[in-house]
C-alpha atoms as a PDB file:
ATOM      1  CA  MET A   1      12.983  55.020  -7.480  1.00  0.00           C
ATOM      2  CA  SER A   2      13.954  56.450  -4.146  1.00  0.00           C
ATOM      3  CA  ARG A   3      16.052  54.523  -1.678  1.00  0.00           C
ATOM      4  CA  LEU A   4      13.191  54.475   0.832  1.00  0.00           C
ATOM      5  CA  ARG A   5      10.800  53.014  -1.745  1.00  0.00           C
ATOM      6  CA  GLN A   6      13.334  50.310  -2.663  1.00  0.00           C
ATOM      7  CA  GLU A   7      13.748  49.391   1.016  1.00  0.00           C
ATOM      8  CA  MET A   8       9.968  49.195   1.487  1.00  0.00           C
ATOM      9  CA  ASP A   9       9.612  46.959  -1.565  1.00  0.00           C
ATOM     10  CA  TYR A  10      12.428  44.701  -0.319  1.00  0.00           C
ATOM     11  CA  ARG A  11      10.785  44.346   3.101  1.00  0.00           C
ATOM     12  CA  SER A  12       7.428  43.613   1.507  1.00  0.00           C
ATOM     13  CA  VAL A  13       8.961  40.807  -0.564  1.00  0.00           C
ATOM     14  CA  GLN A  14      10.667  39.407   2.538  1.00  0.00           C
ATOM     15  CA  ARG A  15       7.356  39.417   4.461  1.00  0.00           C
ATOM     16  CA  GLU A  16       5.582  37.591   1.659  1.00  0.00           C
ATOM     17  CA  GLN A  17       8.359  34.983   1.444  1.00  0.00           C
ATOM     18  CA  SER A  18       8.217  34.479   5.195  1.00  0.00           C
ATOM     19  CA  LYS A  19       4.429  33.982   5.074  1.00  0.00           C
ATOM     20  CA  ALA A  20       4.801  31.480   2.237  1.00  0.00           C
ATOM     21  CA  ARG A  21       7.444  29.548   4.209  1.00  0.00           C
ATOM     22  CA  LYS A  22       5.271  29.449   7.315  1.00  0.00           C
ATOM     23  CA  GLY A  23       2.267  28.330   5.272  1.00  0.00           C
ATOM     24  CA  TYR A  24       4.348  25.551   3.711  1.00  0.00           C
ATOM     25  CA  GLN A  25       5.604  24.412   7.122  1.00  0.00           C
ATOM     26  CA  MET A  26       2.074  24.449   8.539  1.00  0.00           C
ATOM     27  CA  ASN A  27       0.836  22.319   5.624  1.00  0.00           C
ATOM     28  CA  ILE A  28       3.611  19.780   6.281  1.00  0.00           C
ATOM     29  CA  ILE A  29       2.562  19.597   9.946  1.00  0.00           C
ATOM     30  CA  LYS A  30      -1.097  19.178   8.951  1.00  0.00           C
ATOM     31  CA  TRP A  31      -0.268  16.341   6.551  1.00  0.00           C
ATOM     32  CA  LEU A  32       1.932  14.598   9.129  1.00  0.00           C
ATOM     33  CA  GLY A  33      -0.868  14.877  11.695  1.00  0.00           C
ATOM     34  CA  THR A  34      -3.368  13.546   9.179  1.00  0.00           C
ATOM     35  CA  ALA A  35      -1.079  10.629   8.303  1.00  0.00           C
ATOM     36  CA  GLY A  36      -0.722   9.871  12.015  1.00  0.00           C
ATOM     37  CA  ILE A  37      -4.467   9.788  12.582  1.00  0.00           C
ATOM     38  CA  ILE A  38      -5.064   7.645   9.482  1.00  0.00           C
ATOM     39  CA  GLY A  39      -2.248   5.314  10.589  1.00  0.00           C
ATOM     40  CA  SER A  40      -3.782   5.138  14.047  1.00  0.00           C
ATOM     41  CA  THR A  41      -7.135   4.137  12.567  1.00  0.00           C
ATOM     42  CA  VAL A  42      -5.514   1.363  10.522  1.00  0.00           C
ATOM     43  CA  LEU A  43      -3.645   0.088  13.588  1.00  0.00           C
ATOM     44  CA  ARG A  44      -6.909   0.095  15.561  1.00  0.00           C
ATOM     45  CA  ALA A  45      -8.605  -2.005  12.885  1.00  0.00           C
ATOM     46  CA  PHE A  46      -5.918  -4.684  13.270  1.00  0.00           C
ATOM     47  CA  ASP A  47      -6.016  -4.675  17.111  1.00  0.00           C
ATOM     48  CA  TYR A  48      -2.660  -2.980  17.732  1.00  0.00           C
ATOM     49  CA  HIS A  49      -4.054  -0.855  20.542  1.00  0.00           C
ATOM     50  CA  ILE A  50      -0.865   0.491  22.160  1.00  0.00           C
ATOM     51  CA  ALA A  51       0.619   1.426  18.773  1.00  0.00           C
ATOM     52  CA  ASP A  52      -2.742   2.882  17.766  1.00  0.00           C
ATOM     53  CA  MET A  53      -2.848   5.160  20.809  1.00  0.00           C
ATOM     54  CA  SER A  54       0.803   6.184  20.445  1.00  0.00           C
ATOM     55  CA  VAL A  55       0.532   7.084  16.770  1.00  0.00           C
ATOM     56  CA  GLY A  56      -2.844   8.725  17.371  1.00  0.00           C
ATOM     57  CA  PHE A  57      -1.350  10.784  20.199  1.00  0.00           C
ATOM     58  CA  VAL A  58       1.390  12.137  17.912  1.00  0.00           C
ATOM     59  CA  GLY A  59      -1.054  12.884  15.084  1.00  0.00           C
ATOM     60  CA  THR A  60      -3.472  14.595  17.431  1.00  0.00           C
ATOM     61  CA  ALA A  61      -0.673  16.594  19.066  1.00  0.00           C
ATOM     62  CA  LEU A  62       0.385  17.866  15.632  1.00  0.00           C
ATOM     63  CA  TRP A  63      -3.177  18.952  14.876  1.00  0.00           C
ATOM     64  CA  ALA A  64      -3.445  20.597  18.313  1.00  0.00           C
ATOM     65  CA  TYR A  65      -0.283  22.575  17.509  1.00  0.00           C
ATOM     66  CA  VAL A  66      -1.783  23.714  14.194  1.00  0.00           C
ATOM     67  CA  ALA A  67      -5.016  24.707  15.930  1.00  0.00           C
ATOM     68  CA  LEU A  68      -3.084  26.689  18.543  1.00  0.00           C
ATOM     69  CA  LYS A  69      -0.945  28.502  15.962  1.00  0.00           C
ATOM     70  CA  THR A  70      -3.958  29.364  13.792  1.00  0.00           C
ATOM     71  CA  LYS A  71      -6.115  30.269  16.819  1.00  0.00           C
ATOM     72  CA  ASP A  72      -8.767  27.742  15.769  1.00  0.00           C
ATOM     73  CA  TYR A  73     -10.205  27.183  19.236  1.00  0.00           C
ATOM     74  CA  PRO A  74     -12.934  24.643  18.370  1.00  0.00           C
ATOM     75  CA  LEU A  75     -10.288  22.458  16.671  1.00  0.00           C
ATOM     76  CA  LEU A  76      -7.952  22.990  19.614  1.00  0.00           C
ATOM     77  CA  THR A  77     -10.695  21.947  22.059  1.00  0.00           C
ATOM     78  CA  VAL A  78     -11.375  18.698  20.206  1.00  0.00           C
ATOM     79  CA  ASN A  79      -7.696  17.838  19.945  1.00  0.00           C
ATOM     80  CA  ALA A  80      -6.939  18.747  23.571  1.00  0.00           C
ATOM     81  CA  PHE A  81      -9.759  16.463  24.723  1.00  0.00           C
ATOM     82  CA  VAL A  82      -8.567  13.603  22.483  1.00  0.00           C
ATOM     83  CA  LEU A  83      -4.988  14.107  23.731  1.00  0.00           C
ATOM     84  CA  MET A  84      -6.149  13.782  27.338  1.00  0.00           C
ATOM     85  CA  VAL A  85      -8.098  10.597  26.581  1.00  0.00           C
ATOM     86  CA  LEU A  86      -5.164   9.084  24.670  1.00  0.00           C
ATOM     87  CA  ALA A  87      -2.708  10.062  27.423  1.00  0.00           C
ATOM     88  CA  TYR A  88      -4.949   8.374  29.986  1.00  0.00           C
ATOM     89  CA  GLY A  89      -5.146   5.264  27.817  1.00  0.00           C
ATOM     90  CA  LEU A  90      -1.375   5.145  27.382  1.00  0.00           C
ATOM     91  CA  ILE A  91      -0.651   5.654  31.080  1.00  0.00           C
ATOM     92  CA  ARG A  92      -3.311   3.235  32.282  1.00  0.00           C
END
């Protein structure tokens, strides 16, 4: 195998490993965001409103980040709106 072909194969493997790492990191962020939103819902059910909004804000911010990175604009729109409402509720 030529040196050029070996270098191309090496770079291809590196690209695939990088994609896999980024996909793994994005899944971790998605699961953390999901856990935050579920936790927020549980806190809301037990009348812990400030904690509910704080945890919900973090979970929603994580999902907004995912939506931005994946260019999922409908998901980003929903999360941006929810972030604004939660920020208003926390500041008020």
